[in-house]
PDB file of N, CA and C in Angstrom:
ATOM      1  N   MET A   1      96.076-167.438 -56.560  1.00  0.00           N
ATOM      2  CA  MET A   1      95.065-166.827 -57.402  1.00  0.00           C
ATOM      3  C   MET A   1      95.751-165.988 -58.477  1.00  0.00           C
ATOM      4  N   PRO A   2      95.351-166.141 -59.748  1.00  0.00           N
ATOM      5  CA  PRO A   2      96.014-165.387 -60.817  1.00  0.00           C
ATOM      6  C   PRO A   2      95.694-163.892 -60.740  1.00  0.00           C
ATOM      7  N   LYS A   3      96.646-163.109 -61.201  1.00  0.00           N
ATOM      8  CA  LYS A   3      96.463-161.669 -61.208  1.00  0.00           C
ATOM      9  C   LYS A   3      95.694-161.257 -62.450  1.00  0.00           C
ATOM     10  N   ARG A   4      94.811-160.273 -62.286  1.00  0.00           N
ATOM     11  CA  ARG A   4      94.034-159.787 -63.428  1.00  0.00           C
ATOM     12  C   ARG A   4      94.927-158.945 -64.338  1.00  0.00           C
ATOM     13  N   ILE A   5      94.686-159.052 -65.634  1.00  0.00           N
ATOM     14  CA  ILE A   5      95.397-158.246 -66.620  1.00  0.00           C
ATOM     15  C   ILE A   5      94.347-157.531 -67.461  1.00  0.00           C
ATOM     16  N   LEU A   6      94.480-156.209 -67.583  1.00  0.00           N
ATOM     17  CA  LEU A   6      93.548-155.397 -68.357  1.00  0.00           C
ATOM     18  C   LEU A   6      94.315-154.656 -69.442  1.00  0.00           C
ATOM     19  N   THR A   7      93.614-154.327 -70.523  1.00  0.00           N
ATOM     20  CA  THR A   7      94.214-153.576 -71.626  1.00  0.00           C
ATOM     21  C   THR A   7      93.514-152.231 -71.744  1.00  0.00           C
ATOM     22  N   GLY A   8      94.298-151.174 -71.886  1.00  0.00           N
ATOM     23  CA  GLY A   8      93.704-149.848 -71.993  1.00  0.00           C
ATOM     24  C   GLY A   8      94.629-148.854 -72.656  1.00  0.00           C
ATOM     25  N   THR A   9      94.216-147.594 -72.621  1.00  0.00           N
ATOM     26  CA  THR A   9      94.949-146.511 -73.258  1.00  0.00           C
ATOM     27  C   THR A   9      95.434-145.531 -72.196  1.00  0.00           C
ATOM     28  N   VAL A  10      96.676-145.097 -72.304  1.00  0.00           N
ATOM     29  CA  VAL A  10      97.221-144.118 -71.364  1.00  0.00           C
ATOM     30  C   VAL A  10      96.562-142.767 -71.618  1.00  0.00           C
ATOM     31  N   THR A  11      95.987-142.176 -70.558  1.00  0.00           N
ATOM     32  CA  THR A  11      95.338-140.871 -70.696  1.00  0.00           C
ATOM     33  C   THR A  11      96.146-139.759 -70.032  1.00  0.00           C
ATOM     34  N   SER A  12      97.062-140.115 -69.124  1.00  0.00           N
ATOM     35  CA  SER A  12      97.886-139.105 -68.466  1.00  0.00           C
ATOM     36  C   SER A  12      99.185-139.743 -67.993  1.00  0.00           C
ATOM     37  N   ASN A  13     100.273-138.968 -68.118  1.00  0.00           N
ATOM     38  CA  ASN A  13     101.559-139.437 -67.604  1.00  0.00           C
ATOM     39  C   ASN A  13     102.292-138.301 -66.894  1.00  0.00           C
ATOM     40  N   GLN A  14     101.544-137.391 -66.293  1.00  0.00           N
ATOM     41  CA  GLN A  14     102.145-136.200 -65.704  1.00  0.00           C
ATOM     42  C   GLN A  14     102.874-136.464 -64.394  1.00  0.00           C
ATOM     43  N   ASN A  15     102.452-137.485 -63.660  1.00  0.00           N
ATOM     44  CA  ASN A  15     103.122-137.779 -62.388  1.00  0.00           C
ATOM     45  C   ASN A  15     104.340-138.672 -62.617  1.00  0.00           C
ATOM     46  N   GLU A  16     105.289-138.568 -61.725  1.00  0.00           N
ATOM     47  CA  GLU A  16     106.520-139.357 -61.822  1.00  0.00           C
ATOM     48  C   GLU A  16     106.217-140.824 -61.539  1.00  0.00           C
ATOM     49  N   GLN A  17     106.637-141.702 -62.452  1.00  0.00           N
ATOM     50  CA  GLN A  17     106.479-143.157 -62.330  1.00  0.00           C
ATOM     51  C   GLN A  17     105.019-143.604 -62.239  1.00  0.00           C
ATOM     52  N   THR A  18     104.095-142.799 -62.756  1.00  0.00           N
ATOM     53  CA  THR A  18     102.674-143.149 -62.715  1.00  0.00           C
ATOM     54  C   THR A  18     102.020-142.807 -64.044  1.00  0.00           C
ATOM     55  N   VAL A  19     101.176-143.702 -64.517  1.00  0.00           N
ATOM     56  CA  VAL A  19     100.348-143.410 -65.686  1.00  0.00           C
ATOM     57  C   VAL A  19      98.897-143.682 -65.314  1.00  0.00           C
ATOM     58  N   THR A  20      97.994-142.909 -65.901  1.00  0.00           N
ATOM     59  CA  THR A  20      96.572-143.153 -65.736  1.00  0.00           C
ATOM     60  C   THR A  20      96.103-143.868 -66.990  1.00  0.00           C
ATOM     61  N   VAL A  21      95.474-145.030 -66.801  1.00  0.00           N
ATOM     62  CA  VAL A  21      95.052-145.868 -67.919  1.00  0.00           C
ATOM     63  C   VAL A  21      93.534-145.963 -67.922  1.00  0.00           C
ATOM     64  N   SER A  22      92.939-145.673 -69.062  1.00  0.00           N
ATOM     65  CA  SER A  22      91.500-145.787 -69.222  1.00  0.00           C
ATOM     66  C   SER A  22      91.192-147.141 -69.857  1.00  0.00           C
ATOM     67  N   VAL A  23      90.419-147.962 -69.146  1.00  0.00           N
ATOM     68  CA  VAL A  23      90.067-149.299 -69.615  1.00  0.00           C
ATOM     69  C   VAL A  23      88.582-149.313 -69.950  1.00  0.00           C
ATOM     70  N   GLU A  24      88.275-149.720 -71.170  1.00  0.00           N
ATOM     71  CA  GLU A  24      86.875-149.752 -71.622  1.00  0.00           C
ATOM     72  C   GLU A  24      86.364-151.184 -71.649  1.00  0.00           C
ATOM     73  N   ARG A  25      85.145-151.376 -71.169  1.00  0.00           N
ATOM     74  CA  ARG A  25      84.520-152.691 -71.259  1.00  0.00           C
ATOM     75  C   ARG A  25      83.192-152.551 -71.967  1.00  0.00           C
ATOM     76  N   ARG A  26      82.830-153.556 -72.731  1.00  0.00           N
ATOM     77  CA  ARG A  26      81.566-153.555 -73.474  1.00  0.00           C
ATOM     78  C   ARG A  26      80.722-154.724 -73.001  1.00  0.00           C
ATOM     79  N   PHE A  27      79.438-154.470 -72.846  1.00  0.00           N
ATOM     80  CA  PHE A  27      78.530-155.533 -72.450  1.00  0.00           C
ATOM     81  C   PHE A  27      77.146-155.232 -72.998  1.00  0.00           C
ATOM     82  N   THR A  28      76.320-156.256 -73.050  1.00  0.00           N
ATOM     83  CA  THR A  28      74.957-156.101 -73.545  1.00  0.00           C
ATOM     84  C   THR A  28      74.022-155.810 -72.377  1.00  0.00           C
ATOM     85  N   HIS A  29      73.197-154.780 -72.528  1.00  0.00           N
ATOM     86  CA  HIS A  29      72.239-154.428 -71.495  1.00  0.00           C
ATOM     87  C   HIS A  29      71.221-155.560 -71.355  1.00  0.00           C
ATOM     88  N   PRO A  30      70.926-155.986 -70.119  1.00  0.00           N
ATOM     89  CA  PRO A  30      70.060-157.149 -69.946  1.00  0.00           C
ATOM     90  C   PRO A  30      68.636-156.968 -70.463  1.00  0.00           C
ATOM     91  N   VAL A  31      68.099-155.764 -70.417  1.00  0.00           N
ATOM     92  CA  VAL A  31      66.716-155.533 -70.850  1.00  0.00           C
ATOM     93  C   VAL A  31      66.667-154.985 -72.271  1.00  0.00           C
ATOM     94  N   LEU A  32      67.484-153.970 -72.542  1.00  0.00           N
ATOM     95  CA  LEU A  32      67.435-153.291 -73.839  1.00  0.00           C
ATOM     96  C   LEU A  32      68.175-154.038 -74.939  1.00  0.00           C
ATOM     97  N   LYS A  33      69.033-154.999 -74.589  1.00  0.00           N
ATOM     98  CA  LYS A  33      69.823-155.774 -75.561  1.00  0.00           C
ATOM     99  C   LYS A  33      70.689-154.870 -76.437  1.00  0.00           C
ATOM    100  N   LYS A  34      71.136-153.784 -75.864  1.00  0.00           N
ATOM    101  CA  LYS A  34      71.951-152.823 -76.583  1.00  0.00           C
ATOM    102  C   LYS A  34      73.375-152.902 -76.026  1.00  0.00           C
ATOM    103  N   THR A  35      74.376-152.778 -76.880  1.00  0.00           N
ATOM    104  CA  THR A  35      75.755-152.818 -76.428  1.00  0.00           C
ATOM    105  C   THR A  35      76.104-151.493 -75.752  1.00  0.00           C
ATOM    106  N   ILE A  36      76.625-151.598 -74.536  1.00  0.00           N
ATOM    107  CA  ILE A  36      76.968-150.417 -73.753  1.00  0.00           C
ATOM    108  C   ILE A  36      78.470-150.404 -73.518  1.00  0.00           C
ATOM    109  N   ARG A  37      79.068-149.200 -73.632  1.00  0.00           N
ATOM    110  CA  ARG A  37      80.490-149.031 -73.372  1.00  0.00           C
ATOM    111  C   ARG A  37      80.657-148.286 -72.056  1.00  0.00           C
ATOM    112  N   LYS A  38      81.409-148.869 -71.148  1.00  0.00           N
ATOM    113  CA  LYS A  38      81.732-148.196 -69.887  1.00  0.00           C
ATOM    114  C   LYS A  38      83.243-148.169 -69.753  1.00  0.00           C
ATOM    115  N   SER A  39      83.762-147.072 -69.219  1.00  0.00           N
ATOM    116  CA  SER A  39      85.203-146.989 -69.031  1.00  0.00           C
ATOM    117  C   SER A  39      85.516-146.647 -67.585  1.00  0.00           C
ATOM    118  N   LYS A  40      86.681-147.060 -67.164  1.00  0.00           N
ATOM    119  CA  LYS A  40      87.141-146.807 -65.811  1.00  0.00           C
ATOM    120  C   LYS A  40      88.625-146.486 -65.876  1.00  0.00           C
ATOM    121  N   LYS A  41      89.064-145.571 -65.017  1.00  0.00           N
ATOM    122  CA  LYS A  41      90.471-145.176 -65.001  1.00  0.00           C
ATOM    123  C   LYS A  41      91.194-145.863 -63.861  1.00  0.00           C
ATOM    124  N   TYR A  42      92.379-146.356 -64.169  1.00  0.00           N
ATOM    125  CA  TYR A  42      93.240-146.975 -63.172  1.00  0.00           C
ATOM    126  C   TYR A  42      94.565-146.242 -63.166  1.00  0.00           C
ATOM    127  N   ARG A  43      95.164-146.108 -61.989  1.00  0.00           N
ATOM    128  CA  ARG A  43      96.509-145.530 -61.890  1.00  0.00           C
ATOM    129  C   ARG A  43      97.482-146.677 -61.772  1.00  0.00           C
ATOM    130  N   ALA A  44      98.481-146.680 -62.632  1.00  0.00           N
ATOM    131  CA  ALA A  44      99.417-147.800 -62.695  1.00  0.00           C
ATOM    132  C   ALA A  44     100.852-147.311 -62.532  1.00  0.00           C
ATOM    133  N   HIS A  45     101.672-148.168 -61.955  1.00  0.00           N
ATOM    134  CA  HIS A  45     103.080-147.861 -61.713  1.00  0.00           C
ATOM    135  C   HIS A  45     103.879-148.098 -62.995  1.00  0.00           C
ATOM    136  N   ASP A  46     104.599-147.073 -63.430  1.00  0.00           N
ATOM    137  CA  ASP A  46     105.448-147.137 -64.620  1.00  0.00           C
ATOM    138  C   ASP A  46     106.868-146.788 -64.181  1.00  0.00           C
ATOM    139  N   GLU A  47     107.653-147.798 -63.874  1.00  0.00           N
ATOM    140  CA  GLU A  47     108.970-147.624 -63.247  1.00  0.00           C
ATOM    141  C   GLU A  47     109.890-146.697 -64.034  1.00  0.00           C
ATOM    142  N   LYS A  48     109.928-146.834 -65.376  1.00  0.00           N
ATOM    143  CA  LYS A  48     110.903-146.102 -66.184  1.00  0.00           C
ATOM    144  C   LYS A  48     110.318-144.901 -66.925  1.00  0.00           C
ATOM    145  N   ASN A  49     109.085-144.534 -66.634  1.00  0.00           N
ATOM    146  CA  ASN A  49     108.421-143.437 -67.351  1.00  0.00           C
ATOM    147  C   ASN A  49     108.480-143.659 -68.860  1.00  0.00           C
ATOM    148  N   ALA A  50     108.206-144.875 -69.289  1.00  0.00           N
ATOM    149  CA  ALA A  50     108.389-145.253 -70.686  1.00  0.00           C
ATOM    150  C   ALA A  50     107.172-144.965 -71.556  1.00  0.00           C
ATOM    151  N   PHE A  51     106.009-144.738 -70.971  1.00  0.00           N
ATOM    152  CA  PHE A  51     104.788-144.629 -71.769  1.00  0.00           C
ATOM    153  C   PHE A  51     104.273-143.198 -71.799  1.00  0.00           C
ATOM    154  N   SER A  52     103.686-142.833 -72.947  1.00  0.00           N
ATOM    155  CA  SER A  52     103.140-141.491 -73.099  1.00  0.00           C
ATOM    156  C   SER A  52     101.664-141.578 -73.456  1.00  0.00           C
ATOM    157  N   VAL A  53     100.998-140.445 -73.493  1.00  0.00           N
ATOM    158  CA  VAL A  53      99.559-140.388 -73.740  1.00  0.00           C
ATOM    159  C   VAL A  53      99.235-141.001 -75.098  1.00  0.00           C
ATOM    160  N   GLY A  54      98.215-141.856 -75.129  1.00  0.00           N
ATOM    161  CA  GLY A  54      97.779-142.488 -76.359  1.00  0.00           C
ATOM    162  C   GLY A  54      98.313-143.887 -76.569  1.00  0.00           C
ATOM    163  N   ASP A  55      99.283-144.307 -75.777  1.00  0.00           N
ATOM    164  CA  ASP A  55      99.856-145.648 -75.919  1.00  0.00           C
ATOM    165  C   ASP A  55      98.874-146.706 -75.419  1.00  0.00           C
ATOM    166  N   LYS A  56      98.839-147.841 -76.115  1.00  0.00           N
ATOM    167  CA  LYS A  56      98.072-148.997 -75.656  1.00  0.00           C
ATOM    168  C   LYS A  56      98.964-149.790 -74.713  1.00  0.00           C
ATOM    169  N   VAL A  57      98.459-150.060 -73.508  1.00  0.00           N
ATOM    170  CA  VAL A  57      99.259-150.789 -72.523  1.00  0.00           C
ATOM    171  C   VAL A  57      98.427-151.877 -71.859  1.00  0.00           C
ATOM    172  N   ARG A  58      99.134-152.830 -71.259  1.00  0.00           N
ATOM    173  CA  ARG A  58      98.492-153.856 -70.436  1.00  0.00           C
ATOM    174  C   ARG A  58      98.911-153.607 -69.002  1.00  0.00           C
ATOM    175  N   ILE A  59      97.946-153.653 -68.084  1.00  0.00           N
ATOM    176  CA  ILE A  59      98.253-153.452 -66.675  1.00  0.00           C
ATOM    177  C   ILE A  59      97.875-154.704 -65.899  1.00  0.00           C
ATOM    178  N   GLN A  60      98.613-154.938 -64.830  1.00  0.00           N
ATOM    179  CA  GLN A  60      98.425-156.146 -64.028  1.00  0.00           C
ATOM    180  C   GLN A  60      98.307-155.764 -62.556  1.00  0.00           C
ATOM    181  N   GLU A  61      97.464-156.477 -61.829  1.00  0.00           N
ATOM    182  CA  GLU A  61      97.317-156.240 -60.401  1.00  0.00           C
ATOM    183  C   GLU A  61      98.638-156.468 -59.688  1.00  0.00           C
ATOM    184  N   CYS A  62      98.877-155.693 -58.633  1.00  0.00           N
ATOM    185  CA  CYS A  62     100.066-155.890 -57.817  1.00  0.00           C
ATOM    186  C   CYS A  62      99.764-155.421 -56.400  1.00  0.00           C
ATOM    187  N   LYS A  63     100.732-155.574 -55.526  1.00  0.00           N
ATOM    188  CA  LYS A  63     100.537-155.085 -54.162  1.00  0.00           C
ATOM    189  C   LYS A  63     100.486-153.556 -54.188  1.00  0.00           C
ATOM    190  N   PRO A  64      99.865-152.912 -53.209  1.00  0.00           N
ATOM    191  CA  PRO A  64      99.765-151.449 -53.221  1.00  0.00           C
ATOM    192  C   PRO A  64     101.134-150.778 -53.257  1.00  0.00           C
ATOM    193  N   VAL A  65     101.300-149.869 -54.222  1.00  0.00           N
ATOM    194  CA  VAL A  65     102.547-149.124 -54.363  1.00  0.00           C
ATOM    195  C   VAL A  65     102.417-147.775 -53.660  1.00  0.00           C
ATOM    196  N   SER A  66     101.207-147.213 -53.677  1.00  0.00           N
ATOM    197  CA  SER A  66     100.932-145.951 -52.998  1.00  0.00           C
ATOM    198  C   SER A  66      99.452-145.935 -52.623  1.00  0.00           C
ATOM    199  N   LYS A  67      98.967-144.792 -52.214  1.00  0.00           N
ATOM    200  CA  LYS A  67      97.566-144.682 -51.791  1.00  0.00           C
ATOM    201  C   LYS A  67      96.602-145.055 -52.912  1.00  0.00           C
ATOM    202  N   THR A  68      96.921-144.693 -54.137  1.00  0.00           N
ATOM    203  CA  THR A  68      95.994-144.927 -55.247  1.00  0.00           C
ATOM    204  C   THR A  68      96.455-145.974 -56.249  1.00  0.00           C
ATOM    205  N   LYS A  69      97.696-146.407 -56.173  1.00  0.00           N
ATOM    206  CA  LYS A  69      98.234-147.330 -57.197  1.00  0.00           C
ATOM    207  C   LYS A  69      98.223-148.763 -56.719  1.00  0.00           C
ATOM    208  N   ARG A  70      97.446-149.616 -57.415  1.00  0.00           N
ATOM    209  CA  ARG A  70      97.405-151.044 -57.143  1.00  0.00           C
ATOM    210  C   ARG A  70      97.641-151.852 -58.410  1.00  0.00           C
ATOM    211  N   TRP A  71      98.125-151.193 -59.447  1.00  0.00           N
ATOM    212  CA  TRP A  71      98.375-151.829 -60.747  1.00  0.00           C
ATOM    213  C   TRP A  71      99.754-151.464 -61.209  1.00  0.00           C
ATOM    214  N   GLU A  72     100.338-152.315 -62.068  1.00  0.00           N
ATOM    215  CA  GLU A  72     101.626-152.017 -62.673  1.00  0.00           C
ATOM    216  C   GLU A  72     101.539-152.279 -64.171  1.00  0.00           C
ATOM    217  N   VAL A  73     102.310-151.512 -64.929  1.00  0.00           N
ATOM    218  CA  VAL A  73     102.309-151.668 -66.384  1.00  0.00           C
ATOM    219  C   VAL A  73     103.154-152.887 -66.756  1.00  0.00           C
ATOM    220  N   VAL A  74     102.584-153.750 -67.592  1.00  0.00           N
ATOM    221  CA  VAL A  74     103.310-154.921 -68.070  1.00  0.00           C
ATOM    222  C   VAL A  74     103.963-154.527 -69.385  1.00  0.00           C
ATOM    223  N   ALA A  75     105.253-154.821 -69.546  1.00  0.00           N
ATOM    224  CA  ALA A  75     105.971-154.443 -70.763  1.00  0.00           C
ATOM    225  C   ALA A  75     105.341-155.125 -71.969  1.00  0.00           C
ATOM    226  N   ASP A  76     105.021-154.320 -72.994  1.00  0.00           N
ATOM    227  CA  ASP A  76     104.435-154.837 -74.227  1.00  0.00           C
ATOM    228  C   ASP A  76     105.458-154.938 -75.315  1.00  0.00           C
TER     229      ASP A  76
END
């Protein structure tokens, strides 16, 4: 099964080897027909601490690295 890849913006890099990535998705409301923006935060493994706040990154599913990390940053 292929691994999911999401694109988002780094919102925090305060922890060692971890970045918090905010991923936004847009969809049309089924009744109102209005475009809605929803965002979700993912914690991703950043091996070299290479990314800082505001960077656009791609994250990919991986095996659990810690209690909260199930994603890893894909080099862009």
